[in-house]
Amino acid sequence: MREVSIEGARLVCETVMTLFYRLDEETMVSLDITPEPLVHIEREKHNACEALLAGLPAFD
């Protein structure tokens, strides 16, 4: 994982488990705010990549 700053980023979505920020027109960051183990977070990241590769819609 890499570190990014959300300073100045726009909060676009908030769920019980995650905050989503838009850094720029092409970059979104999800911030997991639950005590989930890293393995669950990595699986969610993998699923999101697979969805994008399959052509499923992403956040606007």
PDB file of N, CA and C in Angstrom:
ATOM      1  N   MET A   1       0.834  -1.167   0.000  1.00  0.00           N
ATOM      2  CA  MET A   1       0.000   0.000   0.000  1.00  0.00           C
ATOM      3  C   MET A   1       0.884   1.238   0.000  1.00  0.00           C
ATOM      4  N   ARG A   2       0.347   2.303  -0.538  1.00  0.00           N
ATOM      5  CA  ARG A   2       1.091   3.556  -0.522  1.00  0.00           C
ATOM      6  C   ARG A   2       0.355   4.576   0.318  1.00  0.00           C
ATOM      7  N   GLU A   3       1.060   5.585   0.746  1.00  0.00           N
ATOM      8  CA  GLU A   3       0.448   6.641   1.547  1.00  0.00           C
ATOM      9  C   GLU A   3       0.032   7.789   0.643  1.00  0.00           C
ATOM     10  N   VAL A   4      -1.159   8.302   0.873  1.00  0.00           N
ATOM     11  CA  VAL A   4      -1.646   9.484   0.161  1.00  0.00           C
ATOM     12  C   VAL A   4      -2.288  10.406   1.186  1.00  0.00           C
ATOM     13  N   SER A   5      -2.348  11.671   0.849  1.00  0.00           N
ATOM     14  CA  SER A   5      -2.979  12.648   1.724  1.00  0.00           C
ATOM     15  C   SER A   5      -4.392  12.928   1.219  1.00  0.00           C
ATOM     16  N   ILE A   6      -5.338  12.997   2.141  1.00  0.00           N
ATOM     17  CA  ILE A   6      -6.702  13.359   1.755  1.00  0.00           C
ATOM     18  C   ILE A   6      -6.980  14.826   2.071  1.00  0.00           C
ATOM     19  N   GLU A   7      -5.936  15.549   2.442  1.00  0.00           N
ATOM     20  CA  GLU A   7      -6.081  16.980   2.716  1.00  0.00           C
ATOM     21  C   GLU A   7      -6.528  17.691   1.443  1.00  0.00           C
ATOM     22  N   GLY A   8      -7.617  18.395   1.516  1.00  0.00           N
ATOM     23  CA  GLY A   8      -8.155  19.105   0.358  1.00  0.00           C
ATOM     24  C   GLY A   8      -8.983  18.236  -0.567  1.00  0.00           C
ATOM     25  N   ALA A   9      -9.057  16.923  -0.277  1.00  0.00           N
ATOM     26  CA  ALA A   9      -9.853  16.018  -1.113  1.00  0.00           C
ATOM     27  C   ALA A   9     -11.326  16.169  -0.760  1.00  0.00           C
ATOM     28  N   ARG A  10     -12.186  15.869  -1.736  1.00  0.00           N
ATOM     29  CA  ARG A  10     -13.628  15.992  -1.536  1.00  0.00           C
ATOM     30  C   ARG A  10     -14.201  14.648  -1.093  1.00  0.00           C
ATOM     31  N   LEU A  11     -14.928  14.634   0.020  1.00  0.00           N
ATOM     32  CA  LEU A  11     -15.621  13.438   0.477  1.00  0.00           C
ATOM     33  C   LEU A  11     -16.819  13.226  -0.426  1.00  0.00           C
ATOM     34  N   VAL A  12     -16.860  12.092  -1.141  1.00  0.00           N
ATOM     35  CA  VAL A  12     -17.947  11.858  -2.087  1.00  0.00           C
ATOM     36  C   VAL A  12     -18.962  10.826  -1.593  1.00  0.00           C
ATOM     37  N   CYS A  13     -18.547   9.990  -0.649  1.00  0.00           N
ATOM     38  CA  CYS A  13     -19.466   8.967  -0.160  1.00  0.00           C
ATOM     39  C   CYS A  13     -19.004   8.506   1.216  1.00  0.00           C
ATOM     40  N   GLU A  14     -19.968   8.245   2.075  1.00  0.00           N
ATOM     41  CA  GLU A  14     -19.657   7.747   3.409  1.00  0.00           C
ATOM     42  C   GLU A  14     -20.613   6.603   3.725  1.00  0.00           C
ATOM     43  N   THR A  15     -20.050   5.452   4.047  1.00  0.00           N
ATOM     44  CA  THR A  15     -20.856   4.310   4.466  1.00  0.00           C
ATOM     45  C   THR A  15     -20.505   4.003   5.916  1.00  0.00           C
ATOM     46  N   VAL A  16     -21.120   2.986   6.452  1.00  0.00           N
ATOM     47  CA  VAL A  16     -20.838   2.587   7.828  1.00  0.00           C
ATOM     48  C   VAL A  16     -19.394   2.133   7.967  1.00  0.00           C
ATOM     49  N   MET A  17     -18.843   1.569   6.892  1.00  0.00           N
ATOM     50  CA  MET A  17     -17.514   0.970   6.962  1.00  0.00           C
ATOM     51  C   MET A  17     -16.422   1.745   6.230  1.00  0.00           C
ATOM     52  N   THR A  18     -16.781   2.653   5.330  1.00  0.00           N
ATOM     53  CA  THR A  18     -15.782   3.254   4.456  1.00  0.00           C
ATOM     54  C   THR A  18     -16.105   4.704   4.138  1.00  0.00           C
ATOM     55  N   LEU A  19     -15.053   5.501   3.994  1.00  0.00           N
ATOM     56  CA  LEU A  19     -15.161   6.869   3.488  1.00  0.00           C
ATOM     57  C   LEU A  19     -14.497   6.890   2.121  1.00  0.00           C
ATOM     58  N   PHE A  20     -15.130   7.550   1.145  1.00  0.00           N
ATOM     59  CA  PHE A  20     -14.576   7.641  -0.198  1.00  0.00           C
ATOM     60  C   PHE A  20     -14.271   9.094  -0.514  1.00  0.00           C
ATOM     61  N   TYR A  21     -13.035   9.353  -0.919  1.00  0.00           N
ATOM     62  CA  TYR A  21     -12.598  10.702  -1.253  1.00  0.00           C
ATOM     63  C   TYR A  21     -12.158  10.758  -2.705  1.00  0.00           C
ATOM     64  N   ARG A  22     -12.409  11.885  -3.370  1.00  0.00           N
ATOM     65  CA  ARG A  22     -11.913  12.119  -4.722  1.00  0.00           C
ATOM     66  C   ARG A  22     -10.709  13.048  -4.593  1.00  0.00           C
ATOM     67  N   LEU A  23      -9.538  12.531  -5.037  1.00  0.00           N
ATOM     68  CA  LEU A  23      -8.323  13.334  -4.993  1.00  0.00           C
ATOM     69  C   LEU A  23      -8.222  14.244  -6.207  1.00  0.00           C
ATOM     70  N   ASP A  24      -8.597  13.698  -7.371  1.00  0.00           N
ATOM     71  CA  ASP A  24      -8.634  14.470  -8.607  1.00  0.00           C
ATOM     72  C   ASP A  24      -9.626  13.782  -9.535  1.00  0.00           C
ATOM     73  N   GLU A  25      -9.702  14.212 -10.786  1.00  0.00           N
ATOM     74  CA  GLU A  25     -10.713  13.658 -11.704  1.00  0.00           C
ATOM     75  C   GLU A  25     -10.554  12.171 -11.955  1.00  0.00           C
ATOM     76  N   GLU A  26      -9.340  11.649 -11.780  1.00  0.00           N
ATOM     77  CA  GLU A  26      -9.091  10.240 -12.093  1.00  0.00           C
ATOM     78  C   GLU A  26      -8.807   9.375 -10.875  1.00  0.00           C
ATOM     79  N   THR A  27      -8.735   9.973  -9.698  1.00  0.00           N
ATOM     80  CA  THR A  27      -8.293   9.218  -8.529  1.00  0.00           C
ATOM     81  C   THR A  27      -9.283   9.303  -7.380  1.00  0.00           C
ATOM     82  N   MET A  28      -9.710   8.120  -6.921  1.00  0.00           N
ATOM     83  CA  MET A  28     -10.562   8.009  -5.734  1.00  0.00           C
ATOM     84  C   MET A  28      -9.785   7.217  -4.687  1.00  0.00           C
ATOM     85  N   VAL A  29     -10.026   7.536  -3.433  1.00  0.00           N
ATOM     86  CA  VAL A  29      -9.400   6.825  -2.327  1.00  0.00           C
ATOM     87  C   VAL A  29     -10.501   6.357  -1.393  1.00  0.00           C
ATOM     88  N   SER A  30     -10.417   5.097  -0.985  1.00  0.00           N
ATOM     89  CA  SER A  30     -11.360   4.605   0.015  1.00  0.00           C
ATOM     90  C   SER A  30     -10.600   4.423   1.321  1.00  0.00           C
ATOM     91  N   LEU A  31     -11.180   4.909   2.386  1.00  0.00           N
ATOM     92  CA  LEU A  31     -10.578   4.838   3.706  1.00  0.00           C
ATOM     93  C   LEU A  31     -11.455   3.944   4.560  1.00  0.00           C
ATOM     94  N   ASP A  32     -10.933   2.766   4.877  1.00  0.00           N
ATOM     95  CA  ASP A  32     -11.681   1.809   5.683  1.00  0.00           C
ATOM     96  C   ASP A  32     -11.620   2.250   7.141  1.00  0.00           C
ATOM     97  N   ILE A  33     -12.775   2.402   7.770  1.00  0.00           N
ATOM     98  CA  ILE A  33     -12.827   2.904   9.138  1.00  0.00           C
ATOM     99  C   ILE A  33     -13.317   1.835  10.113  1.00  0.00           C
ATOM    100  N   THR A  34     -13.165   0.579   9.722  1.00  0.00           N
ATOM    101  CA  THR A  34     -13.563  -0.524  10.595  1.00  0.00           C
ATOM    102  C   THR A  34     -12.312  -1.248  11.083  1.00  0.00           C
ATOM    103  N   PRO A  35     -12.466  -2.037  12.115  1.00  0.00           N
ATOM    104  CA  PRO A  35     -11.315  -2.805  12.612  1.00  0.00           C
ATOM    105  C   PRO A  35     -11.103  -4.112  11.838  1.00  0.00           C
ATOM    106  N   GLU A  36     -11.415  -4.104  10.543  1.00  0.00           N
ATOM    107  CA  GLU A  36     -11.272  -5.311   9.721  1.00  0.00           C
ATOM    108  C   GLU A  36      -9.799  -5.704   9.582  1.00  0.00           C
ATOM    109  N   PRO A  37      -9.512  -6.992   9.544  1.00  0.00           N
ATOM    110  CA  PRO A  37      -8.142  -7.433   9.286  1.00  0.00           C
ATOM    111  C   PRO A  37      -7.711  -7.034   7.865  1.00  0.00           C
ATOM    112  N   LEU A  38      -6.430  -6.864   7.668  1.00  0.00           N
ATOM    113  CA  LEU A  38      -5.885  -6.450   6.380  1.00  0.00           C
ATOM    114  C   LEU A  38      -6.280  -7.411   5.261  1.00  0.00           C
ATOM    115  N   VAL A  39      -6.401  -8.697   5.537  1.00  0.00           N
ATOM    116  CA  VAL A  39      -6.762  -9.663   4.504  1.00  0.00           C
ATOM    117  C   VAL A  39      -8.130  -9.349   3.901  1.00  0.00           C
ATOM    118  N   HIS A  40      -9.061  -8.871   4.711  1.00  0.00           N
ATOM    119  CA  HIS A  40     -10.391  -8.509   4.204  1.00  0.00           C
ATOM    120  C   HIS A  40     -10.309  -7.273   3.321  1.00  0.00           C
ATOM    121  N   ILE A  41      -9.483  -6.329   3.721  1.00  0.00           N
ATOM    122  CA  ILE A  41      -9.313  -5.105   2.938  1.00  0.00           C
ATOM    123  C   ILE A  41      -8.675  -5.423   1.592  1.00  0.00           C
ATOM    124  N   GLU A  42      -7.662  -6.294   1.603  1.00  0.00           N
ATOM    125  CA  GLU A  42      -7.003  -6.684   0.358  1.00  0.00           C
ATOM    126  C   GLU A  42      -7.972  -7.421  -0.576  1.00  0.00           C
ATOM    127  N   ARG A  43      -8.851  -8.258  -0.026  1.00  0.00           N
ATOM    128  CA  ARG A  43      -9.833  -8.972  -0.842  1.00  0.00           C
ATOM    129  C   ARG A  43     -10.813  -7.979  -1.482  1.00  0.00           C
ATOM    130  N   GLU A  44     -11.231  -6.974  -0.709  1.00  0.00           N
ATOM    131  CA  GLU A  44     -12.138  -5.960  -1.243  1.00  0.00           C
ATOM    132  C   GLU A  44     -11.455  -5.168  -2.365  1.00  0.00           C
ATOM    133  N   LYS A  45     -10.201  -4.870  -2.182  1.00  0.00           N
ATOM    134  CA  LYS A  45      -9.423  -4.161  -3.208  1.00  0.00           C
ATOM    135  C   LYS A  45      -9.341  -5.013  -4.481  1.00  0.00           C
ATOM    136  N   HIS A  46      -9.076  -6.303  -4.331  1.00  0.00           N
ATOM    137  CA  HIS A  46      -9.002  -7.213  -5.472  1.00  0.00           C
ATOM    138  C   HIS A  46     -10.345  -7.279  -6.193  1.00  0.00           C
ATOM    139  N   ASN A  47     -11.424  -7.384  -5.438  1.00  0.00           N
ATOM    140  CA  ASN A  47     -12.761  -7.445  -6.041  1.00  0.00           C
ATOM    141  C   ASN A  47     -13.087  -6.168  -6.813  1.00  0.00           C
ATOM    142  N   ALA A  48     -12.685  -5.023  -6.278  1.00  0.00           N
ATOM    143  CA  ALA A  48     -12.920  -3.756  -6.964  1.00  0.00           C
ATOM    144  C   ALA A  48     -12.161  -3.703  -8.286  1.00  0.00           C
ATOM    145  N   CYS A  49     -10.923  -4.172  -8.288  1.00  0.00           N
ATOM    146  CA  CYS A  49     -10.131  -4.204  -9.529  1.00  0.00           C
ATOM    147  C   CYS A  49     -10.769  -5.139 -10.545  1.00  0.00           C
ATOM    148  N   GLU A  50     -11.229  -6.297 -10.106  1.00  0.00           N
ATOM    149  CA  GLU A  50     -11.874  -7.245 -11.006  1.00  0.00           C
ATOM    150  C   GLU A  50     -13.148  -6.642 -11.607  1.00  0.00           C
ATOM    151  N   ALA A  51     -13.899  -5.915 -10.799  1.00  0.00           N
ATOM    152  CA  ALA A  51     -15.123  -5.280 -11.290  1.00  0.00           C
ATOM    153  C   ALA A  51     -14.806  -4.256 -12.370  1.00  0.00           C
ATOM    154  N   LEU A  52     -13.773  -3.448 -12.151  1.00  0.00           N
ATOM    155  CA  LEU A  52     -13.383  -2.458 -13.155  1.00  0.00           C
ATOM    156  C   LEU A  52     -12.928  -3.130 -14.446  1.00  0.00           C
ATOM    157  N   LEU A  53     -12.167  -4.204 -14.325  1.00  0.00           N
ATOM    158  CA  LEU A  53     -11.702  -4.941 -15.506  1.00  0.00           C
ATOM    159  C   LEU A  53     -12.872  -5.562 -16.279  1.00  0.00           C
ATOM    160  N   ALA A  54     -13.915  -5.913 -15.543  1.00  0.00           N
ATOM    161  CA  ALA A  54     -15.095  -6.503 -16.182  1.00  0.00           C
ATOM    162  C   ALA A  54     -16.000  -5.442 -16.799  1.00  0.00           C
ATOM    163  N   GLY A  55     -15.646  -4.165 -16.604  1.00  0.00           N
ATOM    164  CA  GLY A  55     -16.421  -3.090 -17.209  1.00  0.00           C
ATOM    165  C   GLY A  55     -17.602  -2.625 -16.381  1.00  0.00           C
ATOM    166  N   LEU A  56     -17.647  -3.017 -15.113  1.00  0.00           N
ATOM    167  CA  LEU A  56     -18.741  -2.575 -14.253  1.00  0.00           C
ATOM    168  C   LEU A  56     -18.534  -1.098 -13.873  1.00  0.00           C
ATOM    169  N   PRO A  57     -19.596  -0.370 -13.668  1.00  0.00           N
ATOM    170  CA  PRO A  57     -19.480   1.062 -13.354  1.00  0.00           C
ATOM    171  C   PRO A  57     -18.711   1.301 -12.047  1.00  0.00           C
ATOM    172  N   ALA A  58     -17.983   2.388 -12.022  1.00  0.00           N
ATOM    173  CA  ALA A  58     -17.264   2.802 -10.807  1.00  0.00           C
ATOM    174  C   ALA A  58     -17.911   4.065 -10.285  1.00  0.00           C
ATOM    175  N   PHE A  59     -17.395   4.561  -9.186  1.00  0.00           N
ATOM    176  CA  PHE A  59     -17.938   5.796  -8.604  1.00  0.00           C
ATOM    177  C   PHE A  59     -17.761   6.948  -9.554  1.00  0.00           C
ATOM    178  N   ASP A  60     -18.718   7.874  -9.519  1.00  0.00           N
ATOM    179  CA  ASP A  60     -18.641   9.077 -10.353  1.00  0.00           C
ATOM    180  C   ASP A  60     -18.293  10.250  -9.492  1.00  0.00           C
TER     181      ASP A  60
END
